[in-house]
C-alpha atoms as a PDB file:
ATOM      1  CA  MET A   1      -3.122  -7.422   7.072  1.00  0.00           C
ATOM      2  CA  SER A   2      -6.470  -8.739   5.547  1.00  0.00           C
ATOM      3  CA  ASN A   3      -8.661  -5.953   8.136  1.00  0.00           C
ATOM      4  CA  ASN A   4      -7.376  -2.514   8.176  1.00  0.00           C
ATOM      5  CA  PRO A   5      -4.256  -2.322   7.618  1.00  0.00           C
ATOM      6  CA  VAL A   6      -2.077   1.599   9.369  1.00  0.00           C
ATOM      7  CA  LEU A   7      -0.688   1.280   5.514  1.00  0.00           C
ATOM      8  CA  THR A   8       1.963   4.461   6.965  1.00  0.00           C
ATOM      9  CA  ASP A   9       3.255   2.345   9.737  1.00  0.00           C
ATOM     10  CA  LEU A  10       4.689  -0.592   6.627  1.00  0.00           C
ATOM     11  CA  LEU A  11       6.608   2.404   5.339  1.00  0.00           C
ATOM     12  CA  GLY A  12      10.340   2.709   7.351  1.00  0.00           C
ATOM     13  CA  LYS A  13      10.284  -0.741   7.713  1.00  0.00           C
ATOM     14  CA  HIS A  14      12.243  -3.764   5.724  1.00  0.00           C
ATOM     15  CA  ILE A  15      10.762  -5.994   2.692  1.00  0.00           C
ATOM     16  CA  LYS A  16      11.468  -8.959   4.342  1.00  0.00           C
ATOM     17  CA  ASP A  17       9.574  -7.864   7.260  1.00  0.00           C
ATOM     18  CA  LEU A  18       6.307  -8.548   5.350  1.00  0.00           C
ATOM     19  CA  PRO A  19       4.826 -12.370   4.751  1.00  0.00           C
ATOM     20  CA  ASN A  20       3.848 -13.134   0.339  1.00  0.00           C
ATOM     21  CA  TYR A  21       4.974 -10.578  -0.884  1.00  0.00           C
ATOM     22  CA  LYS A  22       7.446 -11.027  -4.182  1.00  0.00           C
ATOM     23  CA  LEU A  23       9.657  -8.656  -6.756  1.00  0.00           C
ATOM     24  CA  ARG A  24       7.700  -7.333  -9.868  1.00  0.00           C
ATOM     25  CA  SER A  25      11.027  -5.643 -10.750  1.00  0.00           C
ATOM     26  CA  LYS A  26      14.384  -4.048 -10.410  1.00  0.00           C
ATOM     27  CA  LEU A  27      15.295  -0.730 -11.426  1.00  0.00           C
ATOM     28  CA  GLU A  28      18.258   1.834 -11.629  1.00  0.00           C
ATOM     29  CA  LYS A  29      16.479   3.154  -8.067  1.00  0.00           C
ATOM     30  CA  VAL A  30      14.353   1.201  -6.507  1.00  0.00           C
ATOM     31  CA  ASN A  31      12.078  -2.559  -6.380  1.00  0.00           C
ATOM     32  CA  SER A  32       8.946  -2.681  -7.080  1.00  0.00           C
ATOM     33  CA  TYR A  33       7.153  -5.806  -5.147  1.00  0.00           C
ATOM     34  CA  LYS A  34       3.273  -7.028  -5.083  1.00  0.00           C
ATOM     35  CA  SER A  35       1.371  -8.855  -2.879  1.00  0.00           C
ATOM     36  CA  ASN A  36      -1.662 -10.991  -3.935  1.00  0.00           C
ATOM     37  CA  LEU A  37      -3.418 -10.586  -0.592  1.00  0.00           C
ATOM     38  CA  LYS A  38      -6.839  -9.618  -0.105  1.00  0.00           C
ATOM     39  CA  GLY A  39      -8.080  -7.488   3.271  1.00  0.00           C
ATOM     40  CA  THR A  40     -10.575  -4.708   3.664  1.00  0.00           C
ATOM     41  CA  PHE A  41      -9.258  -0.935   3.767  1.00  0.00           C
ATOM     42  CA  LEU A  42     -11.511   1.548   5.538  1.00  0.00           C
ATOM     43  CA  GLY A  43     -14.321  -1.082   4.587  1.00  0.00           C
ATOM     44  CA  LYS A  44     -13.273  -1.542   1.451  1.00  0.00           C
ATOM     45  CA  SER A  45     -12.433  -4.601  -0.504  1.00  0.00           C
ATOM     46  CA  TYR A  46      -8.701  -4.942  -2.423  1.00  0.00           C
ATOM     47  CA  LYS A  47      -6.381  -7.640  -4.275  1.00  0.00           C
ATOM     48  CA  GLU A  48      -3.217  -6.323  -4.366  1.00  0.00           C
ATOM     49  CA  LEU A  49      -1.163  -4.226  -2.449  1.00  0.00           C
ATOM     50  CA  ALA A  50       1.916  -3.022  -4.432  1.00  0.00           C
ATOM     51  CA  ILE A  51       5.533  -1.674  -2.548  1.00  0.00           C
ATOM     52  CA  ILE A  52       8.003   0.214  -3.355  1.00  0.00           C
ATOM     53  CA  THR A  53      11.004  -0.147  -1.722  1.00  0.00           C
ATOM     54  CA  ASN A  54      14.043   1.088  -2.277  1.00  0.00           C
ATOM     55  CA  LYS A  55      17.742  -0.511  -3.398  1.00  0.00           C
ATOM     56  CA  LEU A  56      17.983  -1.616   0.289  1.00  0.00           C
ATOM     57  CA  ASP A  57      14.443  -2.533   0.298  1.00  0.00           C
ATOM     58  CA  THR A  58      12.784  -0.460   2.676  1.00  0.00           C
ATOM     59  CA  ILE A  59       9.910   0.042   1.585  1.00  0.00           C
ATOM     60  CA  THR A  60       9.181   4.329   1.060  1.00  0.00           C
ATOM     61  CA  GLU A  61       5.407   3.002  -0.842  1.00  0.00           C
ATOM     62  CA  VAL A  62       2.423   1.796  -0.698  1.00  0.00           C
ATOM     63  CA  SER A  63      -0.216   1.311  -3.196  1.00  0.00           C
ATOM     64  CA  ILE A  64      -3.631  -0.599  -3.792  1.00  0.00           C
ATOM     65  CA  ASN A  65      -5.761  -2.128  -5.827  1.00  0.00           C
ATOM     66  CA  PHE A  66      -9.165  -1.332  -4.549  1.00  0.00           C
ATOM     67  CA  LEU A  67     -11.768  -4.464  -6.639  1.00  0.00           C
ATOM     68  CA  GLU A  68     -14.152  -0.732  -6.647  1.00  0.00           C
ATOM     69  CA  VAL A  69     -14.879   2.315  -8.046  1.00  0.00           C
ATOM     70  CA  ILE A  70     -13.764   4.773  -5.084  1.00  0.00           C
ATOM     71  CA  ASN A  71     -16.962   6.692  -4.040  1.00  0.00           C
ATOM     72  CA  ASN A  72     -17.057   9.843  -2.343  1.00  0.00           C
ATOM     73  CA  THR A  73     -17.585   8.625   1.033  1.00  0.00           C
ATOM     74  CA  PHE A  74     -14.939   6.448   0.863  1.00  0.00           C
ATOM     75  CA  TYR A  75     -12.918  10.088   0.092  1.00  0.00           C
ATOM     76  CA  LYS A  76     -13.997  11.605   2.929  1.00  0.00           C
ATOM     77  CA  LEU A  77     -12.976   8.114   5.387  1.00  0.00           C
ATOM     78  CA  LEU A  78      -9.738   8.934   4.047  1.00  0.00           C
ATOM     79  CA  MET A  79      -9.418  12.535   4.010  1.00  0.00           C
ATOM     80  CA  LYS A  80     -10.495  11.971   7.756  1.00  0.00           C
ATOM     81  CA  ALA A  81      -8.301   8.790   8.578  1.00  0.00           C
ATOM     82  CA  TYR A  82      -4.973  10.680   6.814  1.00  0.00           C
ATOM     83  CA  GLY A  83      -5.767  14.417   6.460  1.00  0.00           C
ATOM     84  CA  SER A  84      -6.091  16.381   2.555  1.00  0.00           C
ATOM     85  CA  PRO A  85      -4.157  15.502  -0.359  1.00  0.00           C
ATOM     86  CA  THR A  86      -0.608  18.163  -0.778  1.00  0.00           C
ATOM     87  CA  LYS A  87       0.275  18.979  -3.315  1.00  0.00           C
ATOM     88  CA  TYR A  88       3.591  18.590  -4.749  1.00  0.00           C
END
């Protein structure tokens, strides 16, 4: 997972399918895990992945903690890879 992971591929998988994740907290409806694995995503370095699962530990959300500020060039890469953000 250290080079350009396709984060959407993690959605729906069980947390046990992933290496090196530690439980952060158990809440009423979700569990939170983190990984200190370092890597790159679309050319940007990151220092942590955060994973949210449902109570059955199926992955429902993935977040990245980048080491630097996201600029317009990177934002355009995200839009090309994943499409424009939607409003809820």
